[in-house]
C-alpha atoms as a PDB file:
ATOM      1  CA  MET A   1       5.315 -16.032  33.906  1.00  0.00           C
ATOM      2  CA  LYS A   2       1.835 -17.155  32.771  1.00  0.00           C
ATOM      3  CA  ARG A   3       0.630 -13.559  33.024  1.00  0.00           C
ATOM      4  CA  ILE A   4       3.178 -12.682  30.353  1.00  0.00           C
ATOM      5  CA  LEU A   5       2.951 -15.792  28.179  1.00  0.00           C
ATOM      6  CA  ARG A   6      -0.822 -15.872  27.781  1.00  0.00           C
ATOM      7  CA  PRO A   7      -1.202 -12.327  26.366  1.00  0.00           C
ATOM      8  CA  LEU A   8       1.860 -12.919  24.188  1.00  0.00           C
ATOM      9  CA  LEU A   9       0.389 -16.164  22.842  1.00  0.00           C
ATOM     10  CA  ALA A  10      -2.964 -14.474  22.231  1.00  0.00           C
ATOM     11  CA  LEU A  11      -1.210 -11.692  20.301  1.00  0.00           C
ATOM     12  CA  LEU A  12       0.737 -14.154  18.165  1.00  0.00           C
ATOM     13  CA  LEU A  13      -2.432 -16.100  17.394  1.00  0.00           C
ATOM     14  CA  ALA A  14      -4.215 -12.867  16.449  1.00  0.00           C
ATOM     15  CA  PHE A  15      -1.538 -12.349  13.792  1.00  0.00           C
ATOM     16  CA  ALA A  16      -1.176 -15.991  12.737  1.00  0.00           C
ATOM     17  CA  LEU A  17      -4.789 -17.150  12.390  1.00  0.00           C
ATOM     18  CA  PRO A  18      -5.980 -14.522   9.858  1.00  0.00           C
ATOM     19  CA  ASN A  19      -2.863 -15.203   7.791  1.00  0.00           C
ATOM     20  CA  ALA A  20      -3.587 -18.918   7.862  1.00  0.00           C
ATOM     21  CA  ALA A  21      -7.179 -18.299   6.751  1.00  0.00           C
ATOM     22  CA  ALA A  22      -5.964 -16.018   3.942  1.00  0.00           C
ATOM     23  CA  ALA A  23      -3.466 -18.679   2.817  1.00  0.00           C
ATOM     24  CA  VAL A  24      -6.184 -21.350   2.666  1.00  0.00           C
ATOM     25  CA  TRP A  25      -8.428 -19.053   0.637  1.00  0.00           C
ATOM     26  CA  TRP A  26      -5.557 -18.059  -1.679  1.00  0.00           C
ATOM     27  CA  THR A  27      -4.533 -21.609  -2.504  1.00  0.00           C
ATOM     28  CA  SER A  28      -8.132 -22.416  -3.455  1.00  0.00           C
ATOM     29  CA  GLN A  29      -8.157 -19.696  -6.139  1.00  0.00           C
ATOM     30  CA  PRO A  30      -6.913 -20.044  -9.747  1.00  0.00           C
ATOM     31  CA  HIS A  31      -3.561 -18.359 -10.408  1.00  0.00           C
ATOM     32  CA  PRO A  32      -1.300 -17.920 -13.434  1.00  0.00           C
ATOM     33  CA  ALA A  33       1.712 -20.217 -13.650  1.00  0.00           C
ATOM     34  CA  GLY A  34       4.098 -17.249 -13.586  1.00  0.00           C
ATOM     35  CA  TRP A  35       4.506 -13.623 -14.525  1.00  0.00           C
ATOM     36  CA  ARG A  36       4.684 -14.410 -18.262  1.00  0.00           C
ATOM     37  CA  ALA A  37       1.311 -16.155 -18.092  1.00  0.00           C
ATOM     38  CA  ALA A  38      -0.308 -13.454 -15.933  1.00  0.00           C
ATOM     39  CA  ASP A  39      -2.822 -10.892 -17.209  1.00  0.00           C
ATOM     40  CA  TRP A  40      -1.427  -7.348 -16.968  1.00  0.00           C
ATOM     41  CA  SER A  41      -4.080  -5.685 -19.136  1.00  0.00           C
ATOM     42  CA  SER A  42      -6.350  -2.777 -18.218  1.00  0.00           C
ATOM     43  CA  SER A  43      -9.031  -3.716 -15.728  1.00  0.00           C
ATOM     44  CA  GLY A  44     -11.404  -0.995 -16.965  1.00  0.00           C
ATOM     45  CA  LEU A  45     -11.411   0.598 -13.520  1.00  0.00           C
ATOM     46  CA  LEU A  46     -10.474   4.049 -14.865  1.00  0.00           C
ATOM     47  CA  PRO A  47     -12.078   5.904 -17.769  1.00  0.00           C
ATOM     48  CA  ARG A  48     -10.058   6.707 -20.881  1.00  0.00           C
ATOM     49  CA  ALA A  49      -8.033   9.881 -20.424  1.00  0.00           C
ATOM     50  CA  ALA A  50      -9.948  11.451 -23.326  1.00  0.00           C
ATOM     51  CA  ASP A  51     -13.201  10.848 -21.426  1.00  0.00           C
ATOM     52  CA  GLU A  52     -11.851  12.342 -18.175  1.00  0.00           C
ATOM     53  CA  PRO A  53     -10.674  15.902 -18.952  1.00  0.00           C
ATOM     54  CA  GLN A  54     -10.138  16.893 -15.319  1.00  0.00           C
ATOM     55  CA  ALA A  55      -6.994  16.443 -13.253  1.00  0.00           C
ATOM     56  CA  ALA A  56      -6.986  13.302 -11.121  1.00  0.00           C
ATOM     57  CA  LEU A  57      -4.960  11.415  -8.554  1.00  0.00           C
ATOM     58  CA  TYR A  58      -5.590   7.767  -7.698  1.00  0.00           C
ATOM     59  CA  VAL A  59      -3.937   5.282  -5.376  1.00  0.00           C
ATOM     60  CA  LEU A  60      -4.571   1.705  -6.516  1.00  0.00           C
ATOM     61  CA  SER A  61      -3.732  -1.629  -4.928  1.00  0.00           C
ATOM     62  CA  ALA A  62      -4.000  -5.278  -5.958  1.00  0.00           C
ATOM     63  CA  ARG A  63      -2.957  -8.665  -4.630  1.00  0.00           C
ATOM     64  CA  THR A  64       0.527  -9.594  -5.747  1.00  0.00           C
ATOM     65  CA  GLY A  65       1.615 -12.871  -7.338  1.00  0.00           C
ATOM     66  CA  GLY A  66       2.897 -16.208  -6.122  1.00  0.00           C
ATOM     67  CA  LEU A  67       2.600 -17.421  -2.566  1.00  0.00           C
ATOM     68  CA  LYS A  68       3.110 -13.921  -1.193  1.00  0.00           C
ATOM     69  CA  GLY A  69      -0.206 -12.915  -2.745  1.00  0.00           C
ATOM     70  CA  ALA A  70      -1.902 -14.812   0.093  1.00  0.00           C
ATOM     71  CA  VAL A  71      -0.960 -12.051   2.533  1.00  0.00           C
ATOM     72  CA  ALA A  72       0.424  -9.138   0.513  1.00  0.00           C
ATOM     73  CA  THR A  73      -0.692  -6.463  -1.943  1.00  0.00           C
ATOM     74  CA  HIS A  74       1.119  -4.130  -4.359  1.00  0.00           C
ATOM     75  CA  ALA A  75       0.212  -0.423  -4.541  1.00  0.00           C
ATOM     76  CA  TRP A  76       0.868   2.275  -7.124  1.00  0.00           C
ATOM     77  CA  ILE A  77       0.114   5.933  -7.908  1.00  0.00           C
ATOM     78  CA  VAL A  78      -1.831   7.219 -10.932  1.00  0.00           C
ATOM     79  CA  LEU A  79      -1.752  10.913 -11.875  1.00  0.00           C
ATOM     80  CA  LYS A  80      -3.329  13.020 -14.595  1.00  0.00           C
ATOM     81  CA  ASP A  81      -3.091  16.721 -15.400  1.00  0.00           C
ATOM     82  CA  LYS A  82      -6.133  18.586 -16.656  1.00  0.00           C
ATOM     83  CA  GLY A  83      -6.484  17.583 -20.295  1.00  0.00           C
ATOM     84  CA  GLY A  84      -3.513  15.243 -20.019  1.00  0.00           C
ATOM     85  CA  ALA A  85      -2.845  11.507 -20.145  1.00  0.00           C
ATOM     86  CA  TRP A  86      -2.757   8.999 -17.315  1.00  0.00           C
ATOM     87  CA  GLU A  87       0.632   8.499 -15.666  1.00  0.00           C
ATOM     88  CA  ARG A  88       1.348   5.440 -13.547  1.00  0.00           C
ATOM     89  CA  TYR A  89       4.180   5.189 -10.987  1.00  0.00           C
ATOM     90  CA  ASP A  90       5.282   1.899  -9.374  1.00  0.00           C
ATOM     91  CA  LYS A  91       8.315   0.764  -7.494  1.00  0.00           C
ATOM     92  CA  VAL A  92       9.571  -2.636  -8.603  1.00  0.00           C
ATOM     93  CA  GLY A  93      12.434  -4.992  -7.784  1.00  0.00           C
ATOM     94  CA  TRP A  94      14.404  -4.908 -11.039  1.00  0.00           C
ATOM     95  CA  GLY A  95      16.206  -2.226 -13.041  1.00  0.00           C
ATOM     96  CA  MET A  96      15.534   1.344 -12.001  1.00  0.00           C
ATOM     97  CA  PRO A  97      13.003   0.727  -9.232  1.00  0.00           C
ATOM     98  CA  VAL A  98      10.634   3.670  -9.749  1.00  0.00           C
ATOM     99  CA  ARG A  99       8.847   3.016 -13.040  1.00  0.00           C
ATOM    100  CA  ARG A 100       6.612   5.350 -15.003  1.00  0.00           C
ATOM    101  CA  ASP A 101       3.951   3.813 -17.253  1.00  0.00           C
ATOM    102  CA  GLY A 102       5.334   0.304 -17.051  1.00  0.00           C
ATOM    103  CA  TRP A 103       1.759  -1.003 -17.236  1.00  0.00           C
ATOM    104  CA  ALA A 104      -1.716   0.290 -17.989  1.00  0.00           C
ATOM    105  CA  ALA A 105      -2.776   2.863 -15.391  1.00  0.00           C
ATOM    106  CA  ASP A 106      -5.475   0.528 -14.056  1.00  0.00           C
ATOM    107  CA  GLY A 107      -3.783  -2.688 -15.148  1.00  0.00           C
ATOM    108  CA  ARG A 108      -4.234  -5.974 -13.355  1.00  0.00           C
ATOM    109  CA  TRP A 109      -1.300  -7.056 -11.217  1.00  0.00           C
ATOM    110  CA  TYR A 110      -0.421 -10.725 -11.708  1.00  0.00           C
ATOM    111  CA  SER A 111      -3.993 -11.154 -13.048  1.00  0.00           C
ATOM    112  CA  ASN A 112      -5.464  -9.587  -9.885  1.00  0.00           C
ATOM    113  CA  THR A 113      -7.938  -6.722 -10.347  1.00  0.00           C
ATOM    114  CA  PRO A 114      -6.982  -3.534  -8.472  1.00  0.00           C
ATOM    115  CA  VAL A 115      -9.129  -1.559  -6.070  1.00  0.00           C
ATOM    116  CA  VAL A 116      -9.141   2.180  -5.395  1.00  0.00           C
ATOM    117  CA  VAL A 117      -7.480   3.082  -2.099  1.00  0.00           C
ATOM    118  CA  ALA A 118      -7.880   6.847  -2.546  1.00  0.00           C
ATOM    119  CA  LYS A 119      -8.833   9.301  -5.256  1.00  0.00           C
ATOM    120  CA  VAL A 120      -9.409  12.987  -5.873  1.00  0.00           C
ATOM    121  CA  THR A 121     -10.481  14.575  -9.159  1.00  0.00           C
ATOM    122  CA  GLY A 122     -11.198  18.020 -10.542  1.00  0.00           C
ATOM    123  CA  PRO A 123      -9.705  21.352  -9.415  1.00  0.00           C
ATOM    124  CA  ALA A 124      -8.883  19.941  -5.967  1.00  0.00           C
ATOM    125  CA  ALA A 125      -6.583  17.407  -7.605  1.00  0.00           C
ATOM    126  CA  GLU A 126      -4.453  19.915  -9.523  1.00  0.00           C
ATOM    127  CA  PRO A 127      -2.162  21.035  -6.647  1.00  0.00           C
ATOM    128  CA  LEU A 128      -2.045  17.487  -5.256  1.00  0.00           C
ATOM    129  CA  VAL A 129      -0.840  16.087  -8.589  1.00  0.00           C
ATOM    130  CA  ALA A 130       2.044  18.579  -8.587  1.00  0.00           C
ATOM    131  CA  ARG A 131       2.952  17.731  -4.991  1.00  0.00           C
ATOM    132  CA  ALA A 132       2.730  14.010  -5.689  1.00  0.00           C
ATOM    133  CA  ARG A 133       5.250  14.415  -8.516  1.00  0.00           C
ATOM    134  CA  ALA A 134       7.540  16.324  -6.160  1.00  0.00           C
ATOM    135  CA  ALA A 135       7.266  13.533  -3.559  1.00  0.00           C
ATOM    136  CA  ILE A 136       8.011  10.915  -6.223  1.00  0.00           C
ATOM    137  CA  ALA A 137      11.093  12.872  -7.323  1.00  0.00           C
ATOM    138  CA  ALA A 138      12.240  13.155  -3.698  1.00  0.00           C
ATOM    139  CA  TYR A 139      11.794   9.448  -2.876  1.00  0.00           C
ATOM    140  CA  PRO A 140      15.031   8.422  -1.131  1.00  0.00           C
ATOM    141  CA  PHE A 141      15.155   4.808  -2.399  1.00  0.00           C
ATOM    142  CA  ALA A 142      15.027   5.403  -6.147  1.00  0.00           C
ATOM    143  CA  GLN A 143      18.387   4.004  -7.293  1.00  0.00           C
ATOM    144  CA  ARG A 144      19.303   0.585  -8.656  1.00  0.00           C
ATOM    145  CA  GLY A 145      19.404  -1.893  -5.800  1.00  0.00           C
ATOM    146  CA  ASP A 146      17.098   0.210  -3.618  1.00  0.00           C
ATOM    147  CA  TYR A 147      14.489  -2.521  -3.355  1.00  0.00           C
ATOM    148  CA  THR A 148      14.076  -5.174  -0.683  1.00  0.00           C
ATOM    149  CA  LEU A 149      11.012  -7.395  -0.720  1.00  0.00           C
ATOM    150  CA  TRP A 150      10.902  -7.508   3.079  1.00  0.00           C
ATOM    151  CA  PRO A 151      10.815  -5.500   5.281  1.00  0.00           C
ATOM    152  CA  GLY A 152      11.383  -2.818   2.636  1.00  0.00           C
ATOM    153  CA  PRO A 153      11.889  -0.476   0.926  1.00  0.00           C
ATOM    154  CA  ASN A 154       9.478  -1.975  -1.591  1.00  0.00           C
ATOM    155  CA  SER A 155       6.478  -0.893  -3.678  1.00  0.00           C
ATOM    156  CA  ASN A 156       4.351  -0.086  -0.647  1.00  0.00           C
ATOM    157  CA  THR A 157       7.152   1.868   1.035  1.00  0.00           C
ATOM    158  CA  PHE A 158       7.188   4.081  -2.060  1.00  0.00           C
ATOM    159  CA  VAL A 159       3.434   4.744  -2.085  1.00  0.00           C
ATOM    160  CA  ALA A 160       3.344   5.323   1.691  1.00  0.00           C
ATOM    161  CA  HIS A 161       6.070   7.949   1.221  1.00  0.00           C
ATOM    162  CA  VAL A 162       3.886   9.792  -1.317  1.00  0.00           C
ATOM    163  CA  LEU A 163       0.792   9.549   0.890  1.00  0.00           C
ATOM    164  CA  ARG A 164       2.650  11.102   3.822  1.00  0.00           C
ATOM    165  CA  ALA A 165       3.332  14.103   1.584  1.00  0.00           C
ATOM    166  CA  LEU A 166      -0.412  14.427   0.849  1.00  0.00           C
ATOM    167  CA  PRO A 167      -2.204  14.387   4.217  1.00  0.00           C
ATOM    168  CA  GLU A 168      -5.275  15.999   2.624  1.00  0.00           C
ATOM    169  CA  LEU A 169      -6.084  12.660   1.002  1.00  0.00           C
ATOM    170  CA  ASP A 170      -6.789  11.196   4.452  1.00  0.00           C
ATOM    171  CA  ALA A 171      -5.627   7.878   3.008  1.00  0.00           C
ATOM    172  CA  THR A 172      -3.648   4.921   4.297  1.00  0.00           C
ATOM    173  CA  LEU A 173      -2.601   1.763   2.509  1.00  0.00           C
ATOM    174  CA  PRO A 174      -4.399  -1.520   3.216  1.00  0.00           C
ATOM    175  CA  PRO A 175      -3.266  -3.683   6.152  1.00  0.00           C
ATOM    176  CA  THR A 176      -1.948  -6.115   3.525  1.00  0.00           C
ATOM    177  CA  ALA A 177       0.498  -3.525   2.120  1.00  0.00           C
ATOM    178  CA  ILE A 178       3.592  -5.106   3.631  1.00  0.00           C
ATOM    179  CA  GLY A 179       6.436  -2.580   3.631  1.00  0.00           C
ATOM    180  CA  LYS A 180       4.276   0.497   4.163  1.00  0.00           C
ATOM    181  CA  ASP A 181       5.778   1.001   7.623  1.00  0.00           C
ATOM    182  CA  PHE A 182       9.431   0.511   6.636  1.00  0.00           C
ATOM    183  CA  ARG A 183      11.845   3.101   8.002  1.00  0.00           C
ATOM    184  CA  VAL A 184      15.624   3.125   8.112  1.00  0.00           C
ATOM    185  CA  LEU A 185      16.929   2.146  11.527  1.00  0.00           C
ATOM    186  CA  GLY A 186      17.209   5.249  13.664  1.00  0.00           C
ATOM    187  CA  ASP A 187      14.141   6.847  12.110  1.00  0.00           C
ATOM    188  CA  PHE A 188      11.885   5.548  14.861  1.00  0.00           C
ATOM    189  CA  VAL A 189       9.077   8.124  14.974  1.00  0.00           C
ATOM    190  CA  THR A 190       7.100   9.715  12.110  1.00  0.00           C
ATOM    191  CA  VAL A 191       4.541  12.424  12.857  1.00  0.00           C
ATOM    192  CA  ALA A 192       2.079  13.383  10.117  1.00  0.00           C
ATOM    193  CA  ALA A 193       2.469  16.857   8.670  1.00  0.00           C
ATOM    194  CA  ASP A 194      -0.941  17.820  10.083  1.00  0.00           C
ATOM    195  CA  TRP A 195      -0.202  16.139  13.454  1.00  0.00           C
ATOM    196  CA  ARG A 196      -3.160  13.781  13.145  1.00  0.00           C
ATOM    197  CA  ASP A 197      -1.134  10.557  13.185  1.00  0.00           C
ATOM    198  CA  VAL A 198       2.046   9.216  14.691  1.00  0.00           C
ATOM    199  CA  GLU A 199       3.912   6.055  13.693  1.00  0.00           C
ATOM    200  CA  PHE A 200       6.629   4.164  15.554  1.00  0.00           C
ATOM    201  CA  SER A 201       8.809   1.737  13.613  1.00  0.00           C
ATOM    202  CA  LEU A 202      11.748  -0.546  14.315  1.00  0.00           C
ATOM    203  CA  GLY A 203      13.019  -0.819  10.777  1.00  0.00           C
ATOM    204  CA  GLY A 204       9.644  -2.032   9.531  1.00  0.00           C
ATOM    205  CA  VAL A 205       9.964  -5.220  11.594  1.00  0.00           C
ATOM    206  CA  ALA A 206       7.763  -4.066  14.469  1.00  0.00           C
ATOM    207  CA  GLY A 207       5.849  -0.921  15.186  1.00  0.00           C
ATOM    208  CA  LEU A 208       2.727   0.942  16.219  1.00  0.00           C
ATOM    209  CA  ALA A 209       0.504   3.586  14.604  1.00  0.00           C
ATOM    210  CA  LEU A 210      -2.067   5.833  16.262  1.00  0.00           C
ATOM    211  CA  GLY A 211      -4.214   8.586  14.858  1.00  0.00           C
ATOM    212  CA  ALA A 212      -7.217   9.755  12.894  1.00  0.00           C
ATOM    213  CA  ARG A 213      -6.210   7.945   9.691  1.00  0.00           C
ATOM    214  CA  HIS A 214      -4.601   4.811  11.048  1.00  0.00           C
ATOM    215  CA  GLY A 215      -6.799   4.299  14.082  1.00  0.00           C
ATOM    216  CA  VAL A 216      -4.842   1.865  16.220  1.00  0.00           C
ATOM    217  CA  GLU A 217      -2.409  -0.483  14.472  1.00  0.00           C
ATOM    218  CA  LEU A 218      -0.002  -3.054  15.853  1.00  0.00           C
ATOM    219  CA  ARG A 219       2.649  -3.991  13.297  1.00  0.00           C
ATOM    220  CA  LEU A 220       4.739  -7.137  13.393  1.00  0.00           C
ATOM    221  CA  LEU A 221       7.003  -8.477  10.631  1.00  0.00           C
ATOM    222  CA  GLY A 222       5.275  -6.153   8.176  1.00  0.00           C
ATOM    223  CA  LEU A 223       1.818  -7.454   9.085  1.00  0.00           C
ATOM    224  CA  THR A 224      -0.879  -5.195  10.532  1.00  0.00           C
ATOM    225  CA  LEU A 225      -3.490  -5.876  13.198  1.00  0.00           C
ATOM    226  CA  GLY A 226      -5.685  -2.962  14.140  1.00  0.00           C
ATOM    227  CA  LEU A 227      -8.937  -1.085  14.488  1.00  0.00           C
ATOM    228  CA  ASP A 228     -10.088   1.766  12.276  1.00  0.00           C
ATOM    229  CA  LEU A 229     -12.190   4.121  14.370  1.00  0.00           C
ATOM    230  CA  ALA A 230     -13.031   6.813  11.808  1.00  0.00           C
ATOM    231  CA  ARG A 231     -14.257   4.300   9.188  1.00  0.00           C
ATOM    232  CA  PRO A 232     -15.177   1.420  11.489  1.00  0.00           C
ATOM    233  CA  ALA A 233     -13.357  -1.762  10.524  1.00  0.00           C
ATOM    234  CA  LEU A 234     -11.016  -4.411  11.807  1.00  0.00           C
ATOM    235  CA  LYS A 235      -7.635  -4.581  10.118  1.00  0.00           C
ATOM    236  CA  LEU A 236      -6.490  -8.176   9.869  1.00  0.00           C
ATOM    237  CA  PRO A 237      -3.155  -9.501   8.626  1.00  0.00           C
ATOM    238  CA  GLY A 238      -3.475 -11.282   5.317  1.00  0.00           C
ATOM    239  CA  VAL A 239      -7.203 -10.535   5.141  1.00  0.00           C
ATOM    240  CA  GLY A 240      -7.290  -6.738   5.044  1.00  0.00           C
ATOM    241  CA  ARG A 241     -10.119  -4.486   6.220  1.00  0.00           C
ATOM    242  CA  VAL A 242     -13.269  -6.088   7.567  1.00  0.00           C
ATOM    243  CA  GLY A 243     -15.843  -3.328   7.979  1.00  0.00           C
ATOM    244  CA  TRP A 244     -19.190  -3.235   9.679  1.00  0.00           C
END
């Protein structure tokens, strides 16, 4: 019995301790009193559309609000045609869940400044922008009520769906993107279109990912513990990527 309990306890601690550290750090930071008091303005991360004539595709992510911000992030997609304006796509938990231009393209999320998860600009972006729009239109959880904070489908489920349609980006969401591994029960195995990654999921509650993009990831209750081999880093629940 001890041979089973000790590894199990070590695994649980490996998930719990980084989350506890992230929670301590989070509570020591200043936060807005609520969403009305939060700063949703442009962070200045992206240039003005008039100053960026080329096509572009960005994936952005920022810590979310409230207590869940200690361990979770919110991701969104930003697109731009050549000579066009920025378009932002989020999935949210009220009204029609997939929103276009609900906030500034590079806006802060609950006062938290976003980071770039992936980007491509110029001629290479033009076909990807069109395919991203097609993936957004084909998202299966786009009706009223199609949002569940945990285990999903949520904002990160939406962005992960688009990324799977664009394997050329070689991008994955941060370990803190809870909901990225949500699948409907019965959809247990997902193989990347280019066969470079495989994901196993039990409804987003538990799972495993292996491959060139994901490295090795253990997933439990939406949290991710893993090792990125291509871009060397630990992936810690609540903390995110810790590179070396």
